[in-house]
Amino acid sequence: MTKLLIDLETLPEEGKDIAGELDAAIFDLRAQDPKPLGPLRYRLHARRYDNELLLQGSLSCPFEFECVRTLHAFTKTLALNEAAIAVEVDGQGEVDATEQVREELLLEMPNHATCDIADEEQSCEIDPLYLAVDKEGEDELNPAPPEEGDSRWSALDAFRSEKS
């Protein structure tokens, strides 16, 4: 399914439970954004209150993130177990709640995802090979080669020696 449509004319006064899946294409994310790995699953109770449709229940969808520390891909399922979504309605007919459900789940995305929040436990450490600052003992880095010729600072060095 690509839309979450709720028919207000057939919705009982006490509401009803609805469950299903929405195609991952509803997220419409950019290439560099996290990638949905499956459908958005929902289990909601829909009930109308005057000019508002209230959806309460759970939402979930697995996403592939890239760790900001290690740059490795990992899977994290975004899940809301107590979602509450209000959709404004006017009159009878069908209400499309797809956008509201989509946004509610996207708000759960971490800003700077690290692989220590993955569904399957992972070590989230940068390879020490890349951390010259954290190496104990002597630096294994080669010093910068000496500059040849006149450097930009030679004029200032000459100025300092004149004042002395």
C-alpha atoms as a PDB file:
ATOM      1  CA  MET A   1       0.000   0.000   0.000  1.00  0.00           C
ATOM      2  CA  THR A   2       1.205   3.513  -0.735  1.00  0.00           C
ATOM      3  CA  LYS A   3      -1.461   5.442   1.193  1.00  0.00           C
ATOM      4  CA  LEU A   4      -3.106   5.156   4.579  1.00  0.00           C
ATOM      5  CA  LEU A   5      -6.716   6.007   3.770  1.00  0.00           C
ATOM      6  CA  ILE A   6      -9.412   6.019   6.448  1.00  0.00           C
ATOM      7  CA  ASP A   7     -13.052   6.225   5.426  1.00  0.00           C
ATOM      8  CA  LEU A   8     -14.834   8.451   7.931  1.00  0.00           C
ATOM      9  CA  GLU A   9     -18.284   7.315   6.768  1.00  0.00           C
ATOM     10  CA  THR A  10     -17.659   3.718   7.831  1.00  0.00           C
ATOM     11  CA  LEU A  11     -15.632   4.554  10.939  1.00  0.00           C
ATOM     12  CA  PRO A  12     -17.620   3.495  14.033  1.00  0.00           C
ATOM     13  CA  GLU A  13     -18.183   6.097  16.747  1.00  0.00           C
ATOM     14  CA  GLU A  14     -15.984   4.123  19.180  1.00  0.00           C
ATOM     15  CA  GLY A  15     -13.270   3.897  16.515  1.00  0.00           C
ATOM     16  CA  LYS A  16     -11.581   0.839  15.065  1.00  0.00           C
ATOM     17  CA  ASP A  17      -8.215  -0.869  14.961  1.00  0.00           C
ATOM     18  CA  ILE A  18      -6.283  -0.797  11.709  1.00  0.00           C
ATOM     19  CA  ALA A  19      -3.025  -2.529  10.850  1.00  0.00           C
ATOM     20  CA  GLY A  20      -0.905  -2.918   7.764  1.00  0.00           C
ATOM     21  CA  GLU A  21       2.152  -1.825   5.860  1.00  0.00           C
ATOM     22  CA  LEU A  22       3.001   1.207   3.749  1.00  0.00           C
ATOM     23  CA  ASP A  23       5.543   0.943   0.948  1.00  0.00           C
ATOM     24  CA  ALA A  24       9.018   2.343   1.782  1.00  0.00           C
ATOM     25  CA  ALA A  25       8.697   4.714  -1.200  1.00  0.00           C
ATOM     26  CA  ILE A  26       6.531   7.013   0.965  1.00  0.00           C
ATOM     27  CA  PHE A  27       9.689   8.242   2.735  1.00  0.00           C
ATOM     28  CA  ASP A  28      11.014   9.883  -0.459  1.00  0.00           C
ATOM     29  CA  LEU A  29      14.465  10.530   1.024  1.00  0.00           C
ATOM     30  CA  ARG A  30      17.620  11.829  -0.700  1.00  0.00           C
ATOM     31  CA  ALA A  31      20.446   9.462  -1.680  1.00  0.00           C
ATOM     32  CA  GLN A  32      22.678  10.586   1.227  1.00  0.00           C
ATOM     33  CA  ASP A  33      19.876  10.123   3.799  1.00  0.00           C
ATOM     34  CA  PRO A  34      19.261   6.880   5.699  1.00  0.00           C
ATOM     35  CA  LYS A  35      17.666   4.269   3.458  1.00  0.00           C
ATOM     36  CA  PRO A  36      14.468   2.419   4.427  1.00  0.00           C
ATOM     37  CA  LEU A  37      15.025  -1.341   4.239  1.00  0.00           C
ATOM     38  CA  GLY A  38      11.403  -2.389   4.399  1.00  0.00           C
ATOM     39  CA  PRO A  39       7.849  -1.165   4.689  1.00  0.00           C
ATOM     40  CA  LEU A  40       6.489   1.082   7.420  1.00  0.00           C
ATOM     41  CA  ARG A  41       4.405  -1.189   9.642  1.00  0.00           C
ATOM     42  CA  TYR A  42       1.544   0.280  11.623  1.00  0.00           C
ATOM     43  CA  ARG A  43      -0.949  -0.940  14.199  1.00  0.00           C
ATOM     44  CA  LEU A  44      -3.263   1.945  15.106  1.00  0.00           C
ATOM     45  CA  HIS A  45      -6.604   2.710  16.683  1.00  0.00           C
ATOM     46  CA  ALA A  46      -8.477   5.347  14.646  1.00  0.00           C
ATOM     47  CA  ARG A  47     -11.208   7.437  16.245  1.00  0.00           C
ATOM     48  CA  ARG A  48     -12.899  10.646  15.212  1.00  0.00           C
ATOM     49  CA  TYR A  49     -13.423  13.562  17.582  1.00  0.00           C
ATOM     50  CA  ASP A  50     -15.444  16.348  15.888  1.00  0.00           C
ATOM     51  CA  ASN A  51     -12.989  17.877  13.345  1.00  0.00           C
ATOM     52  CA  GLU A  52     -10.078  15.642  14.268  1.00  0.00           C
ATOM     53  CA  LEU A  53      -9.083  12.073  13.563  1.00  0.00           C
ATOM     54  CA  LEU A  54      -6.878  10.613  16.298  1.00  0.00           C
ATOM     55  CA  LEU A  55      -4.566   7.703  15.472  1.00  0.00           C
ATOM     56  CA  GLN A  56      -2.934   5.947  18.431  1.00  0.00           C
ATOM     57  CA  GLY A  57      -0.678   2.919  18.351  1.00  0.00           C
ATOM     58  CA  SER A  58       2.656   1.716  17.040  1.00  0.00           C
ATOM     59  CA  LEU A  59       4.814   2.442  13.981  1.00  0.00           C
ATOM     60  CA  SER A  60       8.072   0.831  12.876  1.00  0.00           C
ATOM     61  CA  CYS A  61      10.434   0.608   9.918  1.00  0.00           C
ATOM     62  CA  PRO A  62      14.033  -0.661   9.522  1.00  0.00           C
ATOM     63  CA  PHE A  63      16.574   1.817   8.121  1.00  0.00           C
ATOM     64  CA  GLU A  64      20.169   1.587   6.973  1.00  0.00           C
ATOM     65  CA  PHE A  65      22.324   4.315   8.526  1.00  0.00           C
ATOM     66  CA  GLU A  66      25.983   5.232   8.092  1.00  0.00           C
ATOM     67  CA  CYS A  67      27.920   5.605  11.335  1.00  0.00           C
ATOM     68  CA  VAL A  68      29.365   9.104  11.722  1.00  0.00           C
ATOM     69  CA  ARG A  69      32.403   7.671  13.584  1.00  0.00           C
ATOM     70  CA  THR A  70      33.353   4.603  11.574  1.00  0.00           C
ATOM     71  CA  LEU A  71      31.523   5.248   8.270  1.00  0.00           C
ATOM     72  CA  HIS A  72      30.200   1.662   8.368  1.00  0.00           C
ATOM     73  CA  ALA A  73      26.610   0.882   7.408  1.00  0.00           C
ATOM     74  CA  PHE A  74      24.300  -0.524  10.069  1.00  0.00           C
ATOM     75  CA  THR A  75      20.610  -1.345  10.465  1.00  0.00           C
ATOM     76  CA  LYS A  76      18.412   0.351  13.050  1.00  0.00           C
ATOM     77  CA  THR A  77      14.659  -0.150  13.316  1.00  0.00           C
ATOM     78  CA  LEU A  78      12.905   3.082  14.140  1.00  0.00           C
ATOM     79  CA  ALA A  79       9.934   2.261  16.323  1.00  0.00           C
ATOM     80  CA  LEU A  80       7.254   4.219  18.119  1.00  0.00           C
ATOM     81  CA  ASN A  81       5.196   2.114  20.498  1.00  0.00           C
ATOM     82  CA  GLU A  82       2.959   4.929  21.728  1.00  0.00           C
ATOM     83  CA  ALA A  83       2.384   7.134  18.711  1.00  0.00           C
ATOM     84  CA  ALA A  84      -0.419   9.699  18.840  1.00  0.00           C
ATOM     85  CA  ILE A  85      -1.224  11.444  15.586  1.00  0.00           C
ATOM     86  CA  ALA A  86      -3.970  14.022  15.065  1.00  0.00           C
ATOM     87  CA  VAL A  87      -5.283  14.668  11.574  1.00  0.00           C
ATOM     88  CA  GLU A  88      -7.628  17.569  10.895  1.00  0.00           C
ATOM     89  CA  VAL A  89     -10.788  16.545   9.019  1.00  0.00           C
ATOM     90  CA  ASP A  90     -13.602  18.481   7.450  1.00  0.00           C
ATOM     91  CA  GLY A  91     -16.758  16.608   6.675  1.00  0.00           C
ATOM     92  CA  GLN A  92     -17.054  12.992   5.607  1.00  0.00           C
ATOM     93  CA  GLY A  93     -15.192  10.907   3.069  1.00  0.00           C
ATOM     94  CA  GLU A  94     -11.720   9.474   3.030  1.00  0.00           C
ATOM     95  CA  VAL A  95      -8.827  10.942   4.974  1.00  0.00           C
ATOM     96  CA  ASP A  96      -5.246  10.358   3.812  1.00  0.00           C
ATOM     97  CA  ALA A  97      -3.061  10.076   6.930  1.00  0.00           C
ATOM     98  CA  THR A  98       0.048   8.871   5.083  1.00  0.00           C
ATOM     99  CA  GLU A  99       2.049  12.093   5.421  1.00  0.00           C
ATOM    100  CA  GLN A 100       1.338  12.452   9.152  1.00  0.00           C
ATOM    101  CA  VAL A 101       2.354   8.836   9.861  1.00  0.00           C
ATOM    102  CA  ARG A 102       5.512   9.226   7.728  1.00  0.00           C
ATOM    103  CA  GLU A 103       6.569  12.411   9.521  1.00  0.00           C
ATOM    104  CA  GLU A 104       5.899  10.940  12.957  1.00  0.00           C
ATOM    105  CA  LEU A 105       8.360   8.127  12.292  1.00  0.00           C
ATOM    106  CA  LEU A 106      10.963  10.346  10.602  1.00  0.00           C
ATOM    107  CA  LEU A 107      11.068  12.513  13.731  1.00  0.00           C
ATOM    108  CA  GLU A 108      12.582   9.494  15.506  1.00  0.00           C
ATOM    109  CA  MET A 109      15.688   9.533  13.263  1.00  0.00           C
ATOM    110  CA  PRO A 110      18.899  10.267  15.155  1.00  0.00           C
ATOM    111  CA  ASN A 111      20.759  13.384  13.997  1.00  0.00           C
ATOM    112  CA  HIS A 112      24.236  11.855  14.202  1.00  0.00           C
ATOM    113  CA  ALA A 113      23.783   8.093  14.040  1.00  0.00           C
ATOM    114  CA  THR A 114      26.499   5.879  15.477  1.00  0.00           C
ATOM    115  CA  CYS A 115      26.653   2.118  15.080  1.00  0.00           C
ATOM    116  CA  ASP A 116      26.363   1.545  18.842  1.00  0.00           C
ATOM    117  CA  ILE A 117      22.569   2.023  18.436  1.00  0.00           C
ATOM    118  CA  ALA A 118      22.297  -0.698  15.757  1.00  0.00           C
ATOM    119  CA  ASP A 119      19.737  -3.483  16.057  1.00  0.00           C
ATOM    120  CA  GLU A 120      22.619  -5.978  16.294  1.00  0.00           C
ATOM    121  CA  GLU A 121      25.280  -4.943  18.796  1.00  0.00           C
ATOM    122  CA  GLN A 122      28.403  -3.509  17.183  1.00  0.00           C
ATOM    123  CA  SER A 123      31.604  -1.943  18.400  1.00  0.00           C
ATOM    124  CA  CYS A 124      31.637   1.731  17.501  1.00  0.00           C
ATOM    125  CA  GLU A 125      35.304   2.620  17.696  1.00  0.00           C
ATOM    126  CA  ILE A 126      37.483   4.393  15.197  1.00  0.00           C
ATOM    127  CA  ASP A 127      40.413   2.294  13.992  1.00  0.00           C
ATOM    128  CA  PRO A 128      43.397   3.415  16.154  1.00  0.00           C
ATOM    129  CA  LEU A 129      45.534   3.411  13.034  1.00  0.00           C
ATOM    130  CA  TYR A 130      43.837   6.693  12.138  1.00  0.00           C
ATOM    131  CA  LEU A 131      44.242   8.298  15.556  1.00  0.00           C
ATOM    132  CA  ALA A 132      47.827   9.577  15.764  1.00  0.00           C
ATOM    133  CA  VAL A 133      46.809  11.784  18.699  1.00  0.00           C
ATOM    134  CA  ASP A 134      45.840   8.786  20.811  1.00  0.00           C
ATOM    135  CA  LYS A 135      49.059   6.810  20.264  1.00  0.00           C
ATOM    136  CA  GLU A 136      51.176   6.310  23.339  1.00  0.00           C
ATOM    137  CA  GLY A 137      54.930   6.729  23.326  1.00  0.00           C
ATOM    138  CA  GLU A 138      56.758   8.068  20.338  1.00  0.00           C
ATOM    139  CA  ASP A 139      54.983   9.346  17.323  1.00  0.00           C
ATOM    140  CA  GLU A 140      55.424   7.104  14.341  1.00  0.00           C
ATOM    141  CA  LEU A 141      54.677  10.005  12.068  1.00  0.00           C
ATOM    142  CA  ASN A 142      57.382  11.505   9.934  1.00  0.00           C
ATOM    143  CA  PRO A 143      58.062  15.174  10.622  1.00  0.00           C
ATOM    144  CA  ALA A 144      57.293  17.651   7.883  1.00  0.00           C
ATOM    145  CA  PRO A 145      60.184  18.142   5.463  1.00  0.00           C
ATOM    146  CA  PRO A 146      62.175  21.364   5.976  1.00  0.00           C
ATOM    147  CA  GLU A 147      61.168  24.237   3.772  1.00  0.00           C
ATOM    148  CA  GLU A 148      63.630  25.167   1.089  1.00  0.00           C
ATOM    149  CA  GLY A 149      64.263  28.714   0.007  1.00  0.00           C
ATOM    150  CA  ASP A 150      62.753  31.867   1.415  1.00  0.00           C
ATOM    151  CA  SER A 151      59.713  31.199   3.624  1.00  0.00           C
ATOM    152  CA  ARG A 152      56.826  33.606   4.162  1.00  0.00           C
ATOM    153  CA  TRP A 153      58.006  34.208   7.716  1.00  0.00           C
ATOM    154  CA  SER A 154      61.541  35.259   6.852  1.00  0.00           C
ATOM    155  CA  ALA A 155      60.532  38.940   6.614  1.00  0.00           C
ATOM    156  CA  LEU A 156      59.051  38.789  10.121  1.00  0.00           C
ATOM    157  CA  ASP A 157      62.111  36.962  11.451  1.00  0.00           C
ATOM    158  CA  ALA A 158      64.307  39.717  10.017  1.00  0.00           C
ATOM    159  CA  PHE A 159      62.085  42.369  11.617  1.00  0.00           C
ATOM    160  CA  ARG A 160      62.380  40.679  15.012  1.00  0.00           C
ATOM    161  CA  SER A 161      66.195  40.533  14.789  1.00  0.00           C
ATOM    162  CA  GLU A 162      66.380  44.261  13.926  1.00  0.00           C
ATOM    163  CA  LYS A 163      64.395  45.213  17.068  1.00  0.00           C
ATOM    164  CA  SER A 164      66.620  43.129  19.342  1.00  0.00           C
END
